[in-house]
N, C-alpha and C. Protein backbone atom coordinates (compact mmCIF):
# COMPACT_ATOMS: atom_id res chain seq x y z
N MET A 1 -7.60 -30.22 13.49
CA MET A 1 -8.72 -31.04 13.98
C MET A 1 -10.05 -30.47 13.55
N THR A 2 -10.19 -29.13 13.55
CA THR A 2 -11.43 -28.55 13.15
C THR A 2 -11.80 -28.90 11.71
N TYR A 3 -10.73 -28.78 10.84
CA TYR A 3 -10.94 -29.13 9.40
C TYR A 3 -11.37 -30.57 9.27
N LEU A 4 -10.64 -31.49 9.94
CA LEU A 4 -10.99 -32.90 9.80
C LEU A 4 -12.37 -33.23 10.41
N TRP A 5 -12.72 -32.59 11.46
CA TRP A 5 -14.01 -32.91 12.13
C TRP A 5 -15.20 -32.28 11.46
N TYR A 6 -15.16 -30.93 11.35
CA TYR A 6 -16.36 -30.26 10.79
C TYR A 6 -16.46 -30.32 9.30
N ASP A 7 -15.34 -30.15 8.64
CA ASP A 7 -15.44 -30.08 7.17
C ASP A 7 -15.37 -31.46 6.48
N ARG A 8 -14.56 -32.35 7.00
CA ARG A 8 -14.44 -33.67 6.36
C ARG A 8 -15.14 -34.78 7.13
N GLY A 9 -15.59 -34.55 8.31
CA GLY A 9 -16.26 -35.60 9.10
C GLY A 9 -15.36 -36.80 9.38
N PHE A 10 -14.09 -36.59 9.57
CA PHE A 10 -13.05 -37.62 9.79
C PHE A 10 -12.93 -38.62 8.60
N ASN A 11 -13.42 -38.24 7.42
CA ASN A 11 -13.23 -39.06 6.27
C ASN A 11 -11.88 -38.70 5.66
N LEU A 12 -10.86 -39.47 6.04
CA LEU A 12 -9.51 -39.13 5.65
C LEU A 12 -9.21 -39.35 4.17
N LYS A 13 -10.09 -40.12 3.47
CA LYS A 13 -9.85 -40.35 2.03
C LYS A 13 -10.07 -39.14 1.21
N THR A 14 -10.93 -38.24 1.68
CA THR A 14 -11.24 -36.99 0.90
C THR A 14 -10.25 -35.87 1.15
N VAL A 15 -9.44 -35.99 2.15
CA VAL A 15 -8.55 -34.91 2.53
C VAL A 15 -7.51 -34.57 1.42
N PRO A 16 -6.78 -35.55 0.90
CA PRO A 16 -5.81 -35.18 -0.11
C PRO A 16 -6.36 -34.47 -1.34
N GLY A 17 -7.50 -34.92 -1.80
CA GLY A 17 -8.09 -34.24 -2.94
C GLY A 17 -8.52 -32.87 -2.62
N ASP A 18 -9.07 -32.68 -1.44
CA ASP A 18 -9.55 -31.34 -1.01
C ASP A 18 -8.36 -30.41 -0.85
N ILE A 19 -7.29 -30.90 -0.28
CA ILE A 19 -6.09 -30.09 -0.08
C ILE A 19 -5.52 -29.66 -1.40
N ALA A 20 -5.50 -30.52 -2.37
CA ALA A 20 -5.01 -30.18 -3.70
C ALA A 20 -5.87 -29.26 -4.47
N LYS A 21 -7.19 -29.38 -4.23
CA LYS A 21 -8.19 -28.54 -4.96
C LYS A 21 -8.22 -27.13 -4.47
N ARG A 22 -8.08 -26.88 -3.17
CA ARG A 22 -8.19 -25.58 -2.61
C ARG A 22 -6.81 -25.13 -2.07
N PRO A 23 -6.18 -24.16 -2.71
CA PRO A 23 -4.83 -23.72 -2.31
C PRO A 23 -4.73 -23.18 -0.95
N PHE A 24 -5.74 -22.51 -0.43
CA PHE A 24 -5.64 -21.97 0.92
C PHE A 24 -5.55 -23.08 1.97
N ILE A 25 -6.14 -24.23 1.68
CA ILE A 25 -6.02 -25.35 2.59
C ILE A 25 -4.59 -25.90 2.51
N THR A 26 -4.04 -25.99 1.32
CA THR A 26 -2.68 -26.46 1.16
C THR A 26 -1.71 -25.61 1.97
N ILE A 27 -1.87 -24.32 1.88
CA ILE A 27 -0.92 -23.39 2.59
C ILE A 27 -1.16 -23.52 4.08
N GLY A 28 -2.39 -23.57 4.50
CA GLY A 28 -2.71 -23.68 5.95
C GLY A 28 -2.19 -25.03 6.52
N MET A 29 -2.36 -26.09 5.81
CA MET A 29 -1.86 -27.41 6.28
C MET A 29 -0.35 -27.40 6.34
N THR A 30 0.29 -26.76 5.35
CA THR A 30 1.76 -26.73 5.33
C THR A 30 2.26 -25.92 6.51
N ALA A 31 1.58 -24.80 6.85
CA ALA A 31 1.98 -23.96 7.96
C ALA A 31 1.79 -24.76 9.29
N PHE A 32 0.71 -25.49 9.33
CA PHE A 32 0.40 -26.30 10.56
C PHE A 32 1.47 -27.40 10.69
N PHE A 33 1.78 -28.08 9.60
CA PHE A 33 2.79 -29.18 9.70
C PHE A 33 4.21 -28.64 10.00
N LEU A 34 4.46 -27.40 9.59
CA LEU A 34 5.77 -26.84 9.97
C LEU A 34 5.88 -26.55 11.45
N MET A 35 4.77 -26.36 12.09
CA MET A 35 4.74 -26.08 13.57
C MET A 35 4.93 -27.32 14.40
N ILE A 36 4.67 -28.54 13.83
CA ILE A 36 4.73 -29.78 14.61
C ILE A 36 6.15 -30.08 15.12
N PRO A 37 7.19 -29.99 14.28
CA PRO A 37 8.53 -30.24 14.85
C PRO A 37 8.93 -29.17 15.88
N LEU A 38 8.43 -27.95 15.79
CA LEU A 38 8.73 -26.93 16.75
C LEU A 38 8.08 -27.24 18.05
N ALA A 39 6.86 -27.75 18.00
CA ALA A 39 6.21 -28.15 19.30
C ALA A 39 6.90 -29.32 19.96
N ILE A 40 7.34 -30.24 19.15
CA ILE A 40 8.03 -31.46 19.67
C ILE A 40 9.35 -31.08 20.33
N THR A 41 10.04 -30.13 19.75
CA THR A 41 11.40 -29.82 20.24
C THR A 41 11.45 -28.60 21.14
N SER A 42 10.32 -28.22 21.73
CA SER A 42 10.25 -27.01 22.52
C SER A 42 10.59 -27.24 24.02
N THR A 43 10.85 -28.46 24.40
CA THR A 43 11.20 -28.71 25.81
C THR A 43 12.65 -28.44 26.10
N ASN A 44 13.00 -28.25 27.30
CA ASN A 44 14.41 -28.02 27.73
C ASN A 44 15.23 -29.26 27.40
N LYS A 45 14.68 -30.43 27.53
CA LYS A 45 15.42 -31.62 27.27
C LYS A 45 15.78 -31.74 25.76
N MET A 46 14.87 -31.33 24.90
CA MET A 46 15.13 -31.40 23.49
C MET A 46 16.16 -30.28 23.08
N VAL A 47 16.13 -29.16 23.71
CA VAL A 47 17.13 -28.13 23.46
C VAL A 47 18.52 -28.63 23.75
N LYS A 48 18.69 -29.31 24.88
CA LYS A 48 19.99 -29.88 25.22
C LYS A 48 20.36 -31.02 24.26
N ARG A 49 19.37 -31.79 23.87
CA ARG A 49 19.65 -32.95 22.99
C ARG A 49 20.11 -32.48 21.61
N LEU A 50 19.43 -31.44 21.08
CA LEU A 50 19.75 -30.93 19.71
C LEU A 50 20.99 -30.03 19.73
N GLY A 51 21.20 -29.36 20.83
CA GLY A 51 22.24 -28.41 20.85
C GLY A 51 21.71 -27.02 20.47
N GLY A 52 22.24 -25.95 21.05
CA GLY A 52 21.69 -24.67 20.89
C GLY A 52 21.62 -24.19 19.44
N LYS A 53 22.67 -24.38 18.66
CA LYS A 53 22.69 -23.87 17.30
C LYS A 53 21.68 -24.64 16.42
N ARG A 54 21.67 -25.94 16.50
CA ARG A 54 20.71 -26.70 15.67
C ARG A 54 19.25 -26.43 16.08
N TRP A 55 19.05 -26.28 17.34
CA TRP A 55 17.71 -26.01 17.88
C TRP A 55 17.24 -24.64 17.34
N SER A 56 18.19 -23.63 17.44
CA SER A 56 17.81 -22.30 16.98
C SER A 56 17.61 -22.29 15.45
N ARG A 57 18.39 -23.00 14.70
CA ARG A 57 18.21 -23.07 13.25
C ARG A 57 16.85 -23.72 12.92
N LEU A 58 16.48 -24.76 13.66
CA LEU A 58 15.22 -25.41 13.40
C LEU A 58 14.05 -24.48 13.74
N HIS A 59 14.15 -23.76 14.81
CA HIS A 59 13.09 -22.91 15.22
C HIS A 59 12.93 -21.62 14.38
N LYS A 60 13.76 -21.40 13.48
CA LYS A 60 13.55 -20.29 12.55
C LYS A 60 12.44 -20.62 11.54
N VAL A 61 12.02 -21.84 11.50
CA VAL A 61 10.93 -22.26 10.63
C VAL A 61 9.62 -21.53 11.06
N VAL A 62 9.59 -21.08 12.29
CA VAL A 62 8.40 -20.41 12.77
C VAL A 62 8.08 -19.17 11.98
N TYR A 63 9.07 -18.51 11.40
CA TYR A 63 8.84 -17.33 10.54
C TYR A 63 8.10 -17.78 9.28
N LEU A 64 8.45 -18.86 8.67
CA LEU A 64 7.82 -19.34 7.47
C LEU A 64 6.38 -19.81 7.81
N ALA A 65 6.24 -20.43 8.96
CA ALA A 65 4.90 -20.84 9.40
C ALA A 65 4.01 -19.62 9.63
N GLY A 66 4.55 -18.63 10.24
CA GLY A 66 3.73 -17.39 10.48
C GLY A 66 3.29 -16.74 9.22
N VAL A 67 4.17 -16.63 8.23
CA VAL A 67 3.80 -16.10 6.92
C VAL A 67 2.75 -16.96 6.22
N GLY A 68 2.90 -18.29 6.39
CA GLY A 68 1.95 -19.22 5.78
C GLY A 68 0.58 -19.08 6.45
N GLY A 69 0.60 -18.91 7.76
CA GLY A 69 -0.69 -18.75 8.47
C GLY A 69 -1.45 -17.48 8.08
N VAL A 70 -0.69 -16.38 7.92
CA VAL A 70 -1.32 -15.13 7.48
C VAL A 70 -1.82 -15.27 6.04
N LEU A 71 -1.00 -15.87 5.19
CA LEU A 71 -1.40 -16.06 3.80
C LEU A 71 -2.66 -16.94 3.72
N HIS A 72 -2.69 -18.01 4.51
CA HIS A 72 -3.86 -18.90 4.59
C HIS A 72 -5.09 -18.10 4.94
N TYR A 73 -5.02 -17.30 6.02
CA TYR A 73 -6.13 -16.54 6.49
C TYR A 73 -6.61 -15.52 5.45
N TRP A 74 -5.69 -14.89 4.74
CA TRP A 74 -6.00 -13.91 3.72
C TRP A 74 -6.73 -14.59 2.58
N MET A 75 -6.23 -15.77 2.18
CA MET A 75 -6.92 -16.49 1.07
C MET A 75 -8.26 -17.04 1.47
N LEU A 76 -8.44 -17.34 2.74
CA LEU A 76 -9.68 -17.92 3.25
C LEU A 76 -10.81 -16.93 3.22
N VAL A 77 -10.50 -15.68 3.65
CA VAL A 77 -11.48 -14.63 3.71
C VAL A 77 -11.81 -14.13 2.30
N LYS A 78 -13.11 -14.10 2.02
CA LYS A 78 -13.53 -13.74 0.67
C LYS A 78 -13.80 -12.26 0.45
N SER A 79 -14.44 -11.61 1.38
CA SER A 79 -14.88 -10.28 1.10
C SER A 79 -14.14 -9.21 1.91
N ASP A 80 -14.11 -9.28 3.20
CA ASP A 80 -13.55 -8.24 3.99
C ASP A 80 -12.16 -8.69 4.54
N THR A 81 -11.12 -8.21 3.83
CA THR A 81 -9.78 -8.72 4.09
C THR A 81 -9.04 -7.78 5.06
N ARG A 82 -9.75 -6.87 5.78
CA ARG A 82 -9.08 -5.98 6.69
C ARG A 82 -8.35 -6.70 7.83
N LEU A 83 -8.99 -7.67 8.43
CA LEU A 83 -8.39 -8.36 9.56
C LEU A 83 -7.18 -9.17 9.14
N PRO A 84 -7.23 -9.95 8.05
CA PRO A 84 -6.01 -10.64 7.61
C PRO A 84 -4.86 -9.67 7.23
N LEU A 85 -5.25 -8.55 6.64
CA LEU A 85 -4.17 -7.62 6.27
C LEU A 85 -3.63 -6.94 7.53
N THR A 86 -4.45 -6.78 8.59
CA THR A 86 -3.93 -6.27 9.84
C THR A 86 -2.92 -7.23 10.44
N PHE A 87 -3.27 -8.55 10.39
CA PHE A 87 -2.32 -9.57 10.92
C PHE A 87 -1.05 -9.57 10.08
N ALA A 88 -1.18 -9.41 8.75
CA ALA A 88 0.00 -9.33 7.92
C ALA A 88 0.89 -8.14 8.25
N PHE A 89 0.25 -6.99 8.53
CA PHE A 89 1.01 -5.80 8.91
C PHE A 89 1.74 -6.03 10.24
N ILE A 90 1.05 -6.59 11.17
CA ILE A 90 1.69 -6.83 12.50
C ILE A 90 2.82 -7.83 12.35
N LEU A 91 2.65 -8.88 11.58
CA LEU A 91 3.73 -9.85 11.35
C LEU A 91 4.91 -9.20 10.62
N ALA A 92 4.61 -8.35 9.65
CA ALA A 92 5.69 -7.63 8.92
C ALA A 92 6.50 -6.72 9.88
N LEU A 93 5.77 -6.07 10.79
CA LEU A 93 6.44 -5.21 11.79
C LEU A 93 7.35 -6.07 12.66
N LEU A 94 6.84 -7.19 13.14
CA LEU A 94 7.60 -8.03 14.07
C LEU A 94 8.83 -8.64 13.34
N LEU A 95 8.64 -9.09 12.13
CA LEU A 95 9.73 -9.69 11.37
C LEU A 95 10.76 -8.60 11.00
N GLY A 96 10.24 -7.40 10.70
CA GLY A 96 11.19 -6.29 10.39
C GLY A 96 12.02 -5.92 11.60
N TYR A 97 11.38 -5.91 12.75
CA TYR A 97 12.11 -5.61 13.96
C TYR A 97 13.18 -6.71 14.21
N ARG A 98 12.84 -7.95 13.96
CA ARG A 98 13.78 -9.05 14.12
C ARG A 98 14.97 -8.86 13.20
N LEU A 99 14.69 -8.55 11.92
CA LEU A 99 15.80 -8.30 10.97
C LEU A 99 16.66 -7.12 11.37
N LEU A 100 16.00 -6.06 11.85
CA LEU A 100 16.78 -4.87 12.27
C LEU A 100 17.68 -5.25 13.47
N MET A 101 17.18 -5.98 14.43
CA MET A 101 17.98 -6.33 15.59
C MET A 101 19.09 -7.31 15.26
N ASN A 102 18.85 -8.19 14.28
CA ASN A 102 19.85 -9.21 13.96
C ASN A 102 20.98 -8.63 13.07
N TYR A 103 20.62 -7.71 12.18
CA TYR A 103 21.62 -7.26 11.14
C TYR A 103 22.11 -5.86 11.35
N SER A 104 21.60 -5.11 12.32
CA SER A 104 22.14 -3.77 12.56
C SER A 104 23.40 -3.88 13.44
N PRO A 105 24.28 -2.94 13.30
CA PRO A 105 25.50 -2.99 14.10
C PRO A 105 25.13 -2.81 15.56
N PRO A 106 25.86 -3.53 16.44
CA PRO A 106 25.58 -3.48 17.87
C PRO A 106 25.88 -2.13 18.44
N PHE A 107 25.08 -1.77 19.46
CA PHE A 107 25.28 -0.49 20.11
C PHE A 107 26.48 -0.63 21.05
N GLU A 108 27.38 0.30 20.96
CA GLU A 108 28.57 0.23 21.85
C GLU A 108 28.20 0.70 23.22
N SER A 109 27.52 1.78 23.32
CA SER A 109 27.05 2.29 24.60
C SER A 109 25.94 3.27 24.37
N ILE A 110 25.20 3.50 25.34
CA ILE A 110 24.08 4.44 25.18
C ILE A 110 24.67 5.84 25.47
N VAL A 111 24.63 6.67 24.48
CA VAL A 111 25.11 8.03 24.59
C VAL A 111 23.98 8.95 24.90
N VAL A 112 24.14 9.76 25.91
CA VAL A 112 23.12 10.72 26.21
C VAL A 112 23.25 11.88 25.27
N GLN A 113 22.23 12.16 24.57
CA GLN A 113 22.24 13.23 23.57
C GLN A 113 21.92 14.51 24.18
N LYS A 114 22.89 15.45 24.12
CA LYS A 114 22.63 16.76 24.76
C LYS A 114 21.96 17.69 23.79
N GLU A 115 22.12 17.50 22.52
CA GLU A 115 21.49 18.37 21.57
C GLU A 115 20.05 17.95 21.30
N GLU A 116 19.22 18.89 20.95
CA GLU A 116 17.89 18.54 20.64
C GLU A 116 17.85 17.94 19.23
N PRO A 117 16.87 17.07 18.97
CA PRO A 117 16.78 16.52 17.60
C PRO A 117 16.41 17.64 16.59
N PRO A 118 16.74 17.46 15.36
CA PRO A 118 16.42 18.50 14.39
C PRO A 118 14.91 18.74 14.34
N MET A 119 14.52 19.97 13.91
CA MET A 119 13.10 20.33 13.90
C MET A 119 12.32 19.47 12.93
N PHE A 120 12.96 19.12 11.76
CA PHE A 120 12.22 18.31 10.79
C PHE A 120 11.92 16.92 11.33
N LEU A 121 12.77 16.39 12.20
CA LEU A 121 12.51 15.09 12.79
C LEU A 121 11.35 15.14 13.76
N LYS A 122 11.29 16.21 14.56
CA LYS A 122 10.13 16.42 15.44
C LYS A 122 8.85 16.55 14.64
N LEU A 123 8.89 17.38 13.60
CA LEU A 123 7.71 17.59 12.75
C LEU A 123 7.26 16.28 12.09
N ALA A 124 8.23 15.50 11.61
CA ALA A 124 7.91 14.23 10.93
C ALA A 124 7.26 13.27 11.90
N THR A 125 7.75 13.22 13.12
CA THR A 125 7.17 12.35 14.16
C THR A 125 5.72 12.74 14.50
N VAL A 126 5.51 14.08 14.68
CA VAL A 126 4.15 14.55 14.96
C VAL A 126 3.23 14.27 13.80
N LEU A 127 3.67 14.45 12.58
CA LEU A 127 2.82 14.22 11.37
C LEU A 127 2.52 12.75 11.24
N ALA A 128 3.50 11.89 11.57
CA ALA A 128 3.25 10.41 11.45
C ALA A 128 2.17 9.99 12.49
N ILE A 129 2.30 10.52 13.70
CA ILE A 129 1.31 10.18 14.74
C ILE A 129 -0.05 10.69 14.39
N LEU A 130 -0.13 11.93 13.88
CA LEU A 130 -1.40 12.50 13.47
C LEU A 130 -2.01 11.73 12.32
N GLY A 131 -1.14 11.27 11.36
CA GLY A 131 -1.65 10.48 10.23
C GLY A 131 -2.21 9.11 10.68
N LEU A 132 -1.55 8.50 11.66
CA LEU A 132 -2.04 7.22 12.20
C LEU A 132 -3.42 7.45 12.91
N LEU A 133 -3.48 8.53 13.72
CA LEU A 133 -4.71 8.79 14.43
C LEU A 133 -5.85 9.13 13.42
N LEU A 134 -5.52 9.91 12.39
CA LEU A 134 -6.54 10.22 11.41
C LEU A 134 -6.98 8.97 10.65
N GLY A 135 -6.05 8.10 10.32
CA GLY A 135 -6.44 6.85 9.66
C GLY A 135 -7.32 5.97 10.52
N LEU A 136 -7.03 5.86 11.84
CA LEU A 136 -7.91 5.11 12.71
C LEU A 136 -9.27 5.77 12.83
N LEU A 137 -9.35 7.07 12.94
CA LEU A 137 -10.60 7.75 13.01
C LEU A 137 -11.42 7.55 11.73
N LEU A 138 -10.80 7.68 10.59
CA LEU A 138 -11.55 7.46 9.30
C LEU A 138 -11.99 6.03 9.13
N SER A 139 -11.18 5.12 9.59
CA SER A 139 -11.59 3.67 9.55
C SER A 139 -12.82 3.45 10.42
N LEU A 140 -12.78 4.04 11.61
CA LEU A 140 -13.87 3.89 12.53
C LEU A 140 -15.16 4.53 11.97
N ILE A 141 -15.04 5.73 11.44
CA ILE A 141 -16.21 6.37 10.83
C ILE A 141 -16.76 5.58 9.64
N GLN A 142 -15.90 5.04 8.84
CA GLN A 142 -16.32 4.21 7.71
C GLN A 142 -17.07 2.97 8.18
N GLN A 143 -16.55 2.34 9.22
CA GLN A 143 -17.15 1.12 9.72
C GLN A 143 -18.50 1.38 10.29
N VAL A 144 -18.62 2.49 11.09
CA VAL A 144 -19.88 2.77 11.77
C VAL A 144 -20.91 3.33 10.82
N PHE A 145 -20.58 4.24 9.95
CA PHE A 145 -21.57 4.97 9.16
C PHE A 145 -21.83 4.38 7.78
N PHE A 146 -20.87 3.61 7.21
CA PHE A 146 -21.09 3.20 5.86
C PHE A 146 -21.25 1.68 5.74
N HIS A 147 -20.62 0.89 6.54
CA HIS A 147 -20.73 -0.56 6.42
C HIS A 147 -21.96 -1.06 7.14
N ARG A 148 -22.30 -0.48 8.28
CA ARG A 148 -23.48 -0.85 9.08
C ARG A 148 -23.60 -2.31 9.24
N PRO A 149 -22.67 -3.00 9.97
CA PRO A 149 -22.71 -4.44 10.06
C PRO A 149 -23.94 -4.95 10.82
N LEU A 150 -24.53 -4.18 11.73
CA LEU A 150 -25.71 -4.63 12.45
C LEU A 150 -26.89 -4.71 11.47
N LEU A 151 -26.98 -3.74 10.57
CA LEU A 151 -28.04 -3.75 9.58
C LEU A 151 -27.94 -4.95 8.69
N ARG A 152 -26.68 -5.27 8.25
CA ARG A 152 -26.50 -6.47 7.43
C ARG A 152 -26.92 -7.73 8.18
N LEU A 153 -26.64 -7.83 9.45
CA LEU A 153 -26.99 -8.97 10.24
C LEU A 153 -28.52 -9.13 10.26
N LYS A 154 -29.24 -8.04 10.44
CA LYS A 154 -30.70 -8.12 10.46
C LYS A 154 -31.28 -8.60 9.10
N TYR A 155 -30.74 -8.06 8.02
CA TYR A 155 -31.22 -8.52 6.69
C TYR A 155 -30.86 -9.99 6.47
N ALA A 156 -29.73 -10.40 6.94
CA ALA A 156 -29.32 -11.81 6.77
C ALA A 156 -30.26 -12.70 7.49
N VAL A 157 -30.76 -12.27 8.69
CA VAL A 157 -31.68 -13.08 9.47
C VAL A 157 -33.04 -13.04 8.87
N ASP A 158 -33.45 -11.90 8.33
CA ASP A 158 -34.81 -11.73 7.77
C ASP A 158 -34.97 -12.37 6.37
N LEU A 159 -33.91 -12.80 5.71
CA LEU A 159 -33.99 -13.42 4.44
C LEU A 159 -34.90 -14.68 4.50
N GLN A 160 -35.46 -15.10 3.47
CA GLN A 160 -36.33 -16.28 3.50
C GLN A 160 -35.55 -17.55 3.22
N ALA A 161 -34.40 -17.65 3.88
CA ALA A 161 -33.59 -18.87 3.79
C ALA A 161 -34.29 -20.00 4.53
N PRO A 162 -34.22 -21.21 4.00
CA PRO A 162 -34.91 -22.36 4.69
C PRO A 162 -34.44 -22.50 6.15
N GLY A 163 -35.43 -22.49 7.02
CA GLY A 163 -35.15 -22.70 8.43
C GLY A 163 -34.50 -21.50 9.14
N LEU A 164 -34.22 -20.42 8.42
CA LEU A 164 -33.61 -19.26 9.05
C LEU A 164 -34.52 -18.08 9.10
N GLY A 165 -34.99 -17.69 7.91
CA GLY A 165 -35.82 -16.47 7.83
C GLY A 165 -37.18 -16.57 8.47
N ARG A 166 -37.77 -17.76 8.55
CA ARG A 166 -39.14 -17.90 9.04
C ARG A 166 -39.19 -18.31 10.50
N ASP A 167 -38.02 -18.46 11.14
CA ASP A 167 -38.01 -18.86 12.53
C ASP A 167 -38.27 -17.68 13.40
N PRO A 168 -39.48 -17.57 14.04
CA PRO A 168 -39.81 -16.39 14.84
C PRO A 168 -38.94 -16.23 16.03
N PHE A 169 -38.48 -17.37 16.64
CA PHE A 169 -37.57 -17.26 17.80
C PHE A 169 -36.30 -16.59 17.44
N LEU A 170 -35.70 -16.99 16.28
CA LEU A 170 -34.46 -16.46 15.81
C LEU A 170 -34.60 -14.95 15.53
N GLN A 171 -35.70 -14.64 14.86
CA GLN A 171 -35.92 -13.20 14.53
C GLN A 171 -36.12 -12.37 15.81
N CYS A 172 -36.87 -12.90 16.74
CA CYS A 172 -37.11 -12.11 18.00
C CYS A 172 -35.84 -12.03 18.82
N SER A 173 -35.08 -13.12 18.89
CA SER A 173 -33.88 -13.08 19.73
C SER A 173 -32.80 -12.19 19.09
N THR A 174 -32.73 -12.22 17.75
CA THR A 174 -31.80 -11.31 17.07
C THR A 174 -32.18 -9.87 17.28
N HIS A 175 -33.46 -9.61 17.20
CA HIS A 175 -33.96 -8.26 17.44
C HIS A 175 -33.69 -7.85 18.88
N TYR A 176 -33.90 -8.77 19.78
CA TYR A 176 -33.64 -8.44 21.23
C TYR A 176 -32.15 -8.17 21.45
N LEU A 177 -31.28 -9.06 20.84
CA LEU A 177 -29.83 -8.89 21.04
C LEU A 177 -29.33 -7.59 20.49
N LEU A 178 -29.90 -7.16 19.33
CA LEU A 178 -29.45 -5.90 18.74
C LEU A 178 -30.10 -4.71 19.40
N GLY A 179 -30.97 -4.95 20.39
CA GLY A 179 -31.50 -3.86 21.17
C GLY A 179 -32.56 -3.05 20.45
N GLY A 180 -33.19 -3.61 19.43
CA GLY A 180 -34.26 -2.90 18.68
C GLY A 180 -33.75 -1.77 17.86
N PHE A 181 -32.44 -1.65 17.63
CA PHE A 181 -31.91 -0.52 16.85
C PHE A 181 -32.32 -0.63 15.35
N LEU A 182 -32.63 -1.83 14.89
CA LEU A 182 -32.84 -1.98 13.47
C LEU A 182 -34.29 -2.02 13.00
N SER A 183 -35.18 -1.89 13.93
CA SER A 183 -36.60 -1.97 13.54
C SER A 183 -37.11 -0.66 13.01
C-alpha cells in the first residue's frame, strides 16, 4: 500500500513498468505476494480444510518470502547496509536452526554428563564470547567516534537545499532537538 500510495499515487498503469525497471521492487513485490496465500490460509478452518500436510507444505513458502524480504531491503539501502545485513544474519541463524532441528537425528534421552567438557571446548566458548563482545564494542566505537550521525544530520539541515536549508524554524528545532551538541 505504501508503494502504491506514496510512490505511485495509486496510478496503477505505471506499476508494471516500475516493477520491471527496478529489481528491488520486483523482489519485494514477489515476497509480498508470496505472503498473501499464507495470510489467507492461516485460520484454523483453513488448516482443517487443506489438511495438515498440505497446509504445512504451503506454509514453507514463508522461508522464501523471508529471504526475498531481506534481499529486497538489502538492495533498497544504498549506502549503509549494516541493518539489512543484520537482518540477513538473524534470518540465516533462524533458518539454520530450523534445518538443524529438522535433519539432525532425534535425541533418545537427555543424558546427564558426569565428565567435564574438554578444556579446548571451554576455551573456544570463552574466546567466541569475547570475540562477539569485542566486535560489538568496536562497532559501537566506530559508530560513535567515526561516523558521527548527528553531525551529518546538522550538515544535511544546514545545506542550502530549496525550502530546507533556509528555514530558520527547521534549523532552530533541529538544533534544539540535538541539544546544542553540534554548534
